[in-house]
Every structure is written in structure tokens, then in C-alpha cells.
Amino acid sequence: MSQITGVGKPIVPIEDLKGVGQAGDASGATGFMDSLKTAIGKVNDVELQAGRAVDALMTGESQDIHRTMVALQQADVSFQLMMQVRNKLVTAYEEIQRMQV
């Protein structure tokens, strides 16, 4: 069985991807939309955690500048990843719009 693998573990078996995105497959579209909303929510949560860490550092609640900087970097990297995914989605949409039927 072929699998798409990440670092150390299989992410999605290829057999599970068959039929996704075909005409009339509303569950695939709904699943994609839910996954996208979940991912955006997680990015937002990371941003909020970084904001709370900065606030705690500025008010003196926390003296741990290292954890604050790590939280800020995680927020930055997750936001950059989200923007790259958005760029790929826009590019794919534009390419689909140029297709001749």
C-alpha cells in the first residue's frame, strides 16, 4: 500500500484520496473546508498565545523571555505557512479559471 509520509509516520494513505474532488463529491469539499477552517483556527490560537506571552512579559507576570520569543517565532512561522497555502490556493483557482471547457 502506497502512502504519503511525513516525518516518521504516514499522513494519508493514497487509497483514501481516490475520488476526492470528483464532481458530485460534496463530502470532499466539506472536508476540505472544515480542514481549512481548523487550520486557520489553529494559526489564530498560536497568534493569541504569542500575544498573551508578550503581555505577560511586559506586565512582569513572566520573566521568561526565551519562551516569549519562541511563541513569537511559532506564530510567525505558522502565519507564513498559512499565507503560502493561501497563495497556492489562489494560484490554483486562477489556473482553473483559465482552463477552457
C-alpha atoms as a PDB file:
ATOM      1  CA  MET A   1       0.000   0.000   0.000  1.00  0.00           C
ATOM      2  CA  SER A   2       1.470   3.367  -1.063  1.00  0.00           C
ATOM      3  CA  GLN A   3       1.317   6.175   1.450  1.00  0.00           C
ATOM      4  CA  ILE A   4       2.156   9.832   1.634  1.00  0.00           C
ATOM      5  CA  THR A   5       4.577  10.029   4.514  1.00  0.00           C
ATOM      6  CA  GLY A   6       5.699  12.813   6.766  1.00  0.00           C
ATOM      7  CA  VAL A   7       8.466  12.782   9.285  1.00  0.00           C
ATOM      8  CA  GLY A   8       8.174   9.383  10.901  1.00  0.00           C
ATOM      9  CA  LYS A   9       4.557   8.417  10.258  1.00  0.00           C
ATOM     10  CA  PRO A  10       2.109   8.057   7.382  1.00  0.00           C
ATOM     11  CA  ILE A  11      -0.117  11.083   6.926  1.00  0.00           C
ATOM     12  CA  VAL A  12      -2.734   9.988   4.413  1.00  0.00           C
ATOM     13  CA  PRO A  13      -2.980   6.631   2.644  1.00  0.00           C
ATOM     14  CA  ILE A  14      -3.250   7.223  -1.102  1.00  0.00           C
ATOM     15  CA  GLU A  15      -6.311   4.962  -1.230  1.00  0.00           C
ATOM     16  CA  ASP A  16      -8.162   7.481   0.943  1.00  0.00           C
ATOM     17  CA  LEU A  17      -7.506  10.190  -1.648  1.00  0.00           C
ATOM     18  CA  LYS A  18      -9.152   8.338  -4.536  1.00  0.00           C
ATOM     19  CA  GLY A  19     -12.342  10.056  -5.586  1.00  0.00           C
ATOM     20  CA  VAL A  20     -11.694  13.237  -3.609  1.00  0.00           C
ATOM     21  CA  GLY A  21     -12.581  16.300  -5.612  1.00  0.00           C
ATOM     22  CA  GLN A  22     -14.620  14.493  -8.256  1.00  0.00           C
ATOM     23  CA  ALA A  23     -17.835  16.046  -9.499  1.00  0.00           C
ATOM     24  CA  GLY A  24     -20.683  15.387  -7.117  1.00  0.00           C
ATOM     25  CA  ASP A  25     -18.389  14.686  -4.174  1.00  0.00           C
ATOM     26  CA  ALA A  26     -19.801  17.173  -1.685  1.00  0.00           C
ATOM     27  CA  SER A  27     -18.230  15.392   1.293  1.00  0.00           C
ATOM     28  CA  GLY A  28     -14.736  16.054  -0.092  1.00  0.00           C
ATOM     29  CA  ALA A  29     -15.478  19.762  -0.454  1.00  0.00           C
ATOM     30  CA  THR A  30     -16.961  19.916   3.031  1.00  0.00           C
ATOM     31  CA  GLY A  31     -13.997  18.023   4.467  1.00  0.00           C
ATOM     32  CA  PHE A  32     -11.555  20.374   2.791  1.00  0.00           C
ATOM     33  CA  MET A  33     -13.432  23.425   4.031  1.00  0.00           C
ATOM     34  CA  ASP A  34     -13.524  22.033   7.580  1.00  0.00           C
ATOM     35  CA  SER A  35      -9.803  21.269   7.426  1.00  0.00           C
ATOM     36  CA  LEU A  36      -9.080  24.775   6.202  1.00  0.00           C
ATOM     37  CA  LYS A  37     -11.188  26.349   8.959  1.00  0.00           C
ATOM     38  CA  THR A  38      -9.471  24.177  11.573  1.00  0.00           C
ATOM     39  CA  ALA A  39      -6.025  25.139  10.296  1.00  0.00           C
ATOM     40  CA  ILE A  40      -6.888  28.846  10.307  1.00  0.00           C
ATOM     41  CA  GLY A  41      -8.267  28.470  13.832  1.00  0.00           C
ATOM     42  CA  LYS A  42      -5.022  26.860  14.990  1.00  0.00           C
ATOM     43  CA  VAL A  43      -2.970  29.677  13.465  1.00  0.00           C
ATOM     44  CA  ASN A  44      -5.195  32.165  15.260  1.00  0.00           C
ATOM     45  CA  ASP A  45      -4.723  30.296  18.552  1.00  0.00           C
ATOM     46  CA  VAL A  46      -0.930  30.386  18.138  1.00  0.00           C
ATOM     47  CA  GLU A  47      -1.108  34.135  17.430  1.00  0.00           C
ATOM     48  CA  LEU A  48      -3.232  34.683  20.551  1.00  0.00           C
ATOM     49  CA  GLN A  49      -0.832  32.639  22.696  1.00  0.00           C
ATOM     50  CA  ALA A  50       2.079  34.722  21.443  1.00  0.00           C
ATOM     51  CA  GLY A  51       0.163  37.895  22.271  1.00  0.00           C
ATOM     52  CA  ARG A  52      -0.557  36.638  25.777  1.00  0.00           C
ATOM     53  CA  ALA A  53       3.114  35.720  26.244  1.00  0.00           C
ATOM     54  CA  VAL A  54       4.182  39.234  25.215  1.00  0.00           C
ATOM     55  CA  ASP A  55       1.582  40.788  27.517  1.00  0.00           C
ATOM     56  CA  ALA A  56       2.762  38.618  30.420  1.00  0.00           C
ATOM     57  CA  LEU A  57       6.365  39.628  29.773  1.00  0.00           C
ATOM     58  CA  MET A  58       5.513  43.334  29.556  1.00  0.00           C
ATOM     59  CA  THR A  59       3.403  43.340  32.725  1.00  0.00           C
ATOM     60  CA  GLY A  60       6.024  41.437  34.700  1.00  0.00           C
ATOM     61  CA  GLU A  61       3.925  38.295  35.160  1.00  0.00           C
ATOM     62  CA  SER A  62       6.628  36.349  33.384  1.00  0.00           C
ATOM     63  CA  GLN A  63      10.378  36.798  33.248  1.00  0.00           C
ATOM     64  CA  ASP A  64      10.888  34.090  30.632  1.00  0.00           C
ATOM     65  CA  ILE A  65      11.909  35.987  27.511  1.00  0.00           C
ATOM     66  CA  HIS A  66      13.009  32.771  25.807  1.00  0.00           C
ATOM     67  CA  ARG A  67       9.521  31.238  25.870  1.00  0.00           C
ATOM     68  CA  THR A  68       8.088  34.536  24.678  1.00  0.00           C
ATOM     69  CA  MET A  69      10.478  34.638  21.732  1.00  0.00           C
ATOM     70  CA  VAL A  70       9.726  31.002  20.880  1.00  0.00           C
ATOM     71  CA  ALA A  71       5.986  31.765  20.965  1.00  0.00           C
ATOM     72  CA  LEU A  72       6.516  34.751  18.670  1.00  0.00           C
ATOM     73  CA  GLN A  73       8.570  32.680  16.237  1.00  0.00           C
ATOM     74  CA  GLN A  74       5.967  29.904  16.210  1.00  0.00           C
ATOM     75  CA  ALA A  75       3.288  32.478  15.465  1.00  0.00           C
ATOM     76  CA  ASP A  76       5.384  33.974  12.679  1.00  0.00           C
ATOM     77  CA  VAL A  77       6.165  30.631  11.053  1.00  0.00           C
ATOM     78  CA  SER A  78       2.569  29.424  11.261  1.00  0.00           C
ATOM     79  CA  PHE A  79       1.331  32.698   9.731  1.00  0.00           C
ATOM     80  CA  GLN A  80       3.888  32.470   6.921  1.00  0.00           C
ATOM     81  CA  LEU A  81       2.808  28.880   6.228  1.00  0.00           C
ATOM     82  CA  MET A  82      -0.847  29.933   6.133  1.00  0.00           C
ATOM     83  CA  MET A  83      -0.006  32.704   3.673  1.00  0.00           C
ATOM     84  CA  GLN A  84       1.862  30.282   1.419  1.00  0.00           C
ATOM     85  CA  VAL A  85      -1.091  27.890   1.450  1.00  0.00           C
ATOM     86  CA  ARG A  86      -3.369  30.809   0.586  1.00  0.00           C
ATOM     87  CA  ASN A  87      -1.069  31.795  -2.283  1.00  0.00           C
ATOM     88  CA  LYS A  88      -1.133  28.233  -3.644  1.00  0.00           C
ATOM     89  CA  LEU A  89      -4.931  28.139  -3.407  1.00  0.00           C
ATOM     90  CA  VAL A  90      -5.253  31.450  -5.248  1.00  0.00           C
ATOM     91  CA  THR A  91      -2.838  30.250  -7.929  1.00  0.00           C
ATOM     92  CA  ALA A  92      -4.788  27.008  -8.349  1.00  0.00           C
ATOM     93  CA  TYR A  93      -8.070  28.929  -8.553  1.00  0.00           C
ATOM     94  CA  GLU A  94      -6.655  31.285 -11.188  1.00  0.00           C
ATOM     95  CA  GLU A  95      -5.351  28.329 -13.189  1.00  0.00           C
ATOM     96  CA  ILE A  96      -8.757  26.649 -13.066  1.00  0.00           C
ATOM     97  CA  GLN A  97     -10.361  29.891 -14.254  1.00  0.00           C
ATOM     98  CA  ARG A  98      -8.040  29.929 -17.301  1.00  0.00           C
ATOM     99  CA  MET A  99      -8.961  26.365 -18.269  1.00  0.00           C
ATOM    100  CA  GLN A 100     -11.047  26.023 -21.389  1.00  0.00           C
ATOM    101  CA  VAL A 101     -14.044  23.762 -21.173  1.00  0.00           C
END
